[in-house]
């Protein structure tokens, strides 16, 4: 089976703490539904810095990536179906699904 990374991009912040709790409950339910296919289920990012080509460092991201999930499944189509069910889409976010490639010489 192949591994895929689902990258979270954008998304609106909840307008109330209650809205945040409701969304997080849906997200946890979705993650739970993935079962053993979720290799690394929830990886939020914070305090991002960017190292630029000239060596300077700037605070913040050049993308709107806020986290990722790694899954294992039989095909790209199956990975896309999993991503389509993610509640992150309900808050205006988008998802990128990419197959992870094992480099030769790595475990």
Foldseek 3Di string as FASTA:
>chain_A
DFKKKKWKFDFDDDPDVVSVVVLVVLQVVLLVVLPPQFPFAWFFDDFDWDQDPVRDIGTDDPGRTGTMTMGDDDDPVVVVVSLVSHSSVVRVIDIDMDIDDDDPPDD
